[in-house]
Protein backbone atom coordinates (compact mmCIF):
# COMPACT_ATOMS: atom_id res chain seq x y z
CA MET A 1 -46.37 46.02 -9.12
CA ARG A 2 -46.89 42.50 -7.81
CA ILE A 3 -44.81 41.04 -10.67
CA ARG A 4 -41.98 43.49 -9.94
CA ALA A 5 -42.04 42.48 -6.27
CA LEU A 6 -41.87 38.78 -7.15
CA LEU A 7 -39.01 39.37 -9.57
CA LEU A 8 -37.12 41.37 -6.93
CA ALA A 9 -37.64 38.60 -4.36
CA GLY A 10 -36.32 36.04 -6.86
CA VAL A 11 -33.21 38.11 -7.54
CA ILE A 12 -32.55 38.44 -3.79
CA LEU A 13 -32.94 34.68 -3.28
CA LEU A 14 -30.53 33.95 -6.14
CA ALA A 15 -28.02 36.44 -4.74
CA LEU A 16 -28.21 34.85 -1.29
CA SER A 17 -27.96 31.26 -2.54
CA ALA A 18 -25.11 31.81 -5.03
CA PRO A 19 -22.35 32.32 -2.42
CA ALA A 20 -23.62 29.32 -0.46
CA GLN A 21 -23.43 27.14 -3.57
CA GLN A 22 -19.94 28.41 -4.39
CA THR A 23 -18.54 27.75 -0.91
CA LYS A 24 -20.29 24.41 -0.31
CA LYS A 25 -17.27 22.09 -0.33
CA GLY A 26 -17.95 19.79 2.58
CA ILE A 27 -16.56 16.35 3.34
CA SER A 28 -17.83 13.50 1.18
CA ALA A 29 -17.53 9.76 1.72
CA GLU A 30 -16.83 6.75 -0.46
CA GLY A 31 -16.48 3.01 0.04
CA GLY A 32 -18.25 0.83 2.55
CA ASP A 33 -18.68 -2.26 0.41
CA PRO A 34 -16.27 -5.21 0.66
CA ASP A 35 -13.18 -4.80 -1.51
CA ASP A 36 -10.74 -7.35 -2.85
CA ARG A 37 -7.93 -7.79 -0.33
CA GLY A 38 -5.27 -10.41 0.15
CA SER A 39 -3.15 -11.48 3.08
CA ALA A 40 0.09 -13.44 3.28
CA ARG A 41 1.10 -14.65 6.73
CA VAL A 42 3.71 -16.92 8.29
CA LEU A 43 2.78 -18.29 11.71
CA TYR A 44 5.29 -20.10 13.91
CA TRP A 45 3.90 -22.65 16.35
CA ASP A 46 5.60 -24.02 19.46
CA ASP A 47 4.49 -27.67 19.46
CA ALA A 48 5.94 -28.37 22.90
CA ALA A 49 4.05 -25.52 24.54
CA ASN A 50 1.09 -25.78 22.14
CA THR A 51 1.07 -22.04 21.58
CA ALA A 52 2.05 -19.50 18.95
CA ALA A 53 5.73 -18.54 18.83
CA GLY A 54 5.25 -15.48 16.62
CA GLN A 55 4.00 -14.37 13.21
CA PHE A 56 4.12 -11.68 10.58
CA ALA A 57 1.65 -10.79 7.85
CA PHE A 58 1.21 -8.57 4.81
CA ASP A 59 -2.31 -7.27 4.16
CA TYR A 60 -3.05 -5.54 0.87
CA GLY A 61 -5.63 -4.47 -1.69
CA ARG A 62 -5.46 -6.28 -5.04
CA PRO A 63 -5.55 -3.86 -7.98
CA VAL A 64 -5.94 -5.23 -11.50
CA TRP A 65 -2.98 -4.90 -13.88
CA LYS A 66 -3.73 -2.54 -16.77
CA PRO A 67 -2.46 -2.89 -20.36
CA VAL A 68 -1.20 0.71 -20.23
CA TYR A 69 1.48 -0.41 -17.74
CA GLU A 70 3.03 -2.53 -20.48
CA ASP A 71 3.98 0.63 -22.36
CA GLN A 72 7.51 0.96 -20.95
CA ALA A 73 7.72 4.71 -21.48
CA LYS A 74 4.45 5.34 -19.64
CA PHE A 75 5.32 2.87 -16.88
CA ASP A 76 8.70 4.55 -16.38
CA ALA A 77 7.06 7.99 -16.23
CA MET A 78 4.74 6.75 -13.48
CA THR A 79 7.37 4.99 -11.38
CA LYS A 80 10.95 6.22 -11.89
CA GLY A 81 12.22 8.21 -8.94
CA LYS A 82 8.90 7.86 -7.12
CA VAL A 83 7.29 6.06 -4.21
CA TRP A 84 4.51 4.08 -5.82
CA ARG A 85 1.33 2.91 -4.16
CA LEU A 86 1.55 -0.81 -3.33
CA GLY A 87 -1.97 -2.19 -3.52
CA SER A 88 -5.35 -0.45 -3.64
CA ASN A 89 -7.91 1.15 -1.32
CA PHE A 90 -6.65 1.02 2.29
CA TRP A 91 -2.91 0.97 2.93
CA THR A 92 -0.85 -2.16 2.39
CA THR A 93 0.47 -3.08 5.81
CA LEU A 94 3.10 -5.26 7.42
CA ASP A 95 2.35 -6.39 10.97
CA THR A 96 5.00 -8.39 12.79
CA ASP A 97 5.41 -9.49 16.39
CA LEU A 98 8.85 -10.91 15.60
CA PRO A 99 12.10 -9.13 14.73
CA ILE A 100 12.81 -9.79 11.08
CA GLU A 101 15.28 -8.68 8.41
CA ILE A 102 14.15 -7.94 4.88
CA ALA A 103 17.07 -7.94 2.44
CA GLY A 104 19.37 -7.23 5.39
CA ARG A 105 17.26 -4.32 6.68
CA ARG A 106 16.22 -4.82 10.29
CA VAL A 107 12.49 -4.49 10.93
CA LEU A 108 11.44 -4.30 14.57
CA PRO A 109 8.14 -5.75 15.82
CA GLY A 110 5.28 -3.40 15.00
CA SER A 111 2.97 -2.27 12.23
CA TYR A 112 4.02 -0.39 9.09
CA TYR A 113 2.42 1.13 6.01
CA LEU A 114 4.16 0.04 2.81
CA GLY A 115 4.85 1.36 -0.66
CA LEU A 116 7.26 0.60 -3.50
CA LYS A 117 10.08 2.98 -4.33
CA ARG A 118 11.88 2.94 -7.68
CA SER A 119 15.24 4.59 -8.23
CA ALA A 120 15.51 7.52 -10.62
CA ASP A 121 17.35 5.40 -13.19
CA GLY A 122 14.78 2.61 -12.86
CA SER A 123 17.31 -0.07 -11.97
CA GLN A 124 16.31 -0.64 -8.32
CA TRP A 125 13.04 -1.26 -6.51
CA SER A 126 12.70 -1.08 -2.74
CA LEU A 127 10.02 -1.78 -0.21
CA ALA A 128 9.28 1.60 1.40
CA PHE A 129 8.35 1.60 5.11
CA ILE A 130 6.14 4.42 6.35
CA ASN A 131 5.62 5.16 10.04
CA ILE A 132 1.92 4.71 10.72
CA GLY A 133 1.69 7.30 13.53
CA PRO A 134 2.47 10.48 11.55
CA ALA A 135 0.49 9.28 8.52
CA ARG A 136 -2.51 8.52 10.69
CA HIS A 137 -2.21 11.85 12.51
CA VAL A 138 -2.78 13.79 9.27
CA HIS A 139 -5.35 11.28 7.93
CA LEU A 140 -3.10 10.46 4.98
CA ASP A 141 -4.63 8.09 2.45
CA ALA A 142 -2.52 5.69 0.40
CA PHE A 143 -3.67 7.58 -2.72
CA ASP A 144 -1.39 10.41 -1.53
CA ILE A 145 1.58 8.18 -0.73
CA ARG A 146 3.86 10.73 -2.40
CA LYS A 147 3.23 12.96 0.65
CA ALA A 148 4.31 10.28 3.12
CA LEU A 149 7.65 10.33 4.88
CA VAL A 150 9.51 7.10 4.17
CA SER A 151 11.24 5.92 7.35
CA PHE A 152 13.48 3.35 5.68
CA GLU A 153 13.73 1.04 2.68
CA ALA A 154 14.52 -2.60 1.99
CA PRO A 155 15.86 -3.40 -1.49
CA MET A 156 14.03 -5.87 -3.68
CA THR A 157 15.38 -7.87 -6.62
CA THR A 158 13.67 -7.87 -10.00
CA VAL A 159 13.12 -11.39 -11.32
CA LYS A 160 11.54 -12.81 -14.45
CA ALA A 161 7.80 -13.28 -13.99
CA ASP A 162 6.64 -16.89 -14.31
CA SER A 163 3.33 -15.65 -15.68
CA LYS A 164 1.32 -12.45 -15.78
CA ALA A 165 -0.38 -11.77 -12.44
CA GLU A 166 -3.68 -10.12 -13.32
CA LYS A 167 -4.04 -8.88 -9.73
CA LEU A 168 -1.37 -7.86 -7.23
CA THR A 169 -0.20 -10.99 -5.40
CA ILE A 170 2.12 -11.08 -2.38
CA THR A 171 3.40 -14.48 -1.26
CA LEU A 172 5.71 -15.80 1.46
CA SER A 173 7.49 -19.12 0.91
CA TYR A 174 10.08 -21.08 2.89
CA PRO A 175 11.78 -24.50 2.91
CA LYS A 176 10.26 -26.91 5.40
CA ASP A 177 13.72 -27.59 6.81
CA ASP A 178 14.68 -23.90 7.10
CA ILE A 179 11.57 -22.08 8.23
CA LYS A 180 13.40 -18.97 9.43
CA ASN A 181 14.50 -18.12 5.88
CA VAL A 182 11.46 -16.83 4.01
CA THR A 183 11.18 -15.44 0.49
CA LEU A 184 8.88 -12.47 -0.04
CA LYS A 185 7.53 -12.14 -3.58
CA VAL A 186 5.50 -9.30 -5.07
CA ALA A 187 3.93 -10.10 -8.45
CA TRP A 188 1.76 -7.77 -10.50
CA GLY A 189 1.33 -8.06 -14.24
CA THR A 190 4.80 -8.44 -15.73
CA LEU A 191 6.50 -7.03 -12.62
CA ALA A 192 8.00 -9.57 -10.20
CA LEU A 193 10.12 -8.61 -7.17
CA THR A 194 11.61 -10.71 -4.40
CA ALA A 195 13.45 -10.16 -1.12
CA PRO A 196 14.82 -12.56 1.52
CA VAL A 197 13.25 -12.39 4.97
CA LYS A 198 15.23 -13.67 7.96
CA VAL A 199 13.15 -14.37 11.05
CA THR A 200 14.43 -14.30 14.63
CA LEU A 201 12.73 -16.86 16.87
CA ALA A 202 13.25 -17.32 20.58
CA ASP A 203 15.14 -20.51 21.38
């Protein structure tokens, strides 16, 4: 009798715990350790006033290039007609306190999330600008960039890579005698993209 009672109690416990186990899908967490991030910034300095005259900066995670991306068919399947994640972990961002133009596309002072968009035929890449407010409101992670609403795009030009960039590298370069004309370059593996950046400075 005692054995039957114990068995019955065990069955009841299993029956009660099974639904709890099936429905236990709480929120988990990941990250917390330092990750590999890069930043490219141009700062303008007013020597006469000895103060900053403005700046803009790209901040981004640095994913490692994978050999699978060199398979053109697979790379095309991942990128053609899609907005592709630019960077890794937290969003790649552009923060500017100056009005700038990227490939002729006006970018007002502010902060933006960024991605890369490739045309359906694969011939054109663009820098995709995502409004931070709506993305932040729904807690959108860069992993789900395909769900983001692209506010506008700035075309980029594909150039021959000087060498293979093992990690994503974003650089900003400019002639010393023409500091308002900056060249943005995105290099990752065998992919190299550039765009001109025109900077508006107060006289």
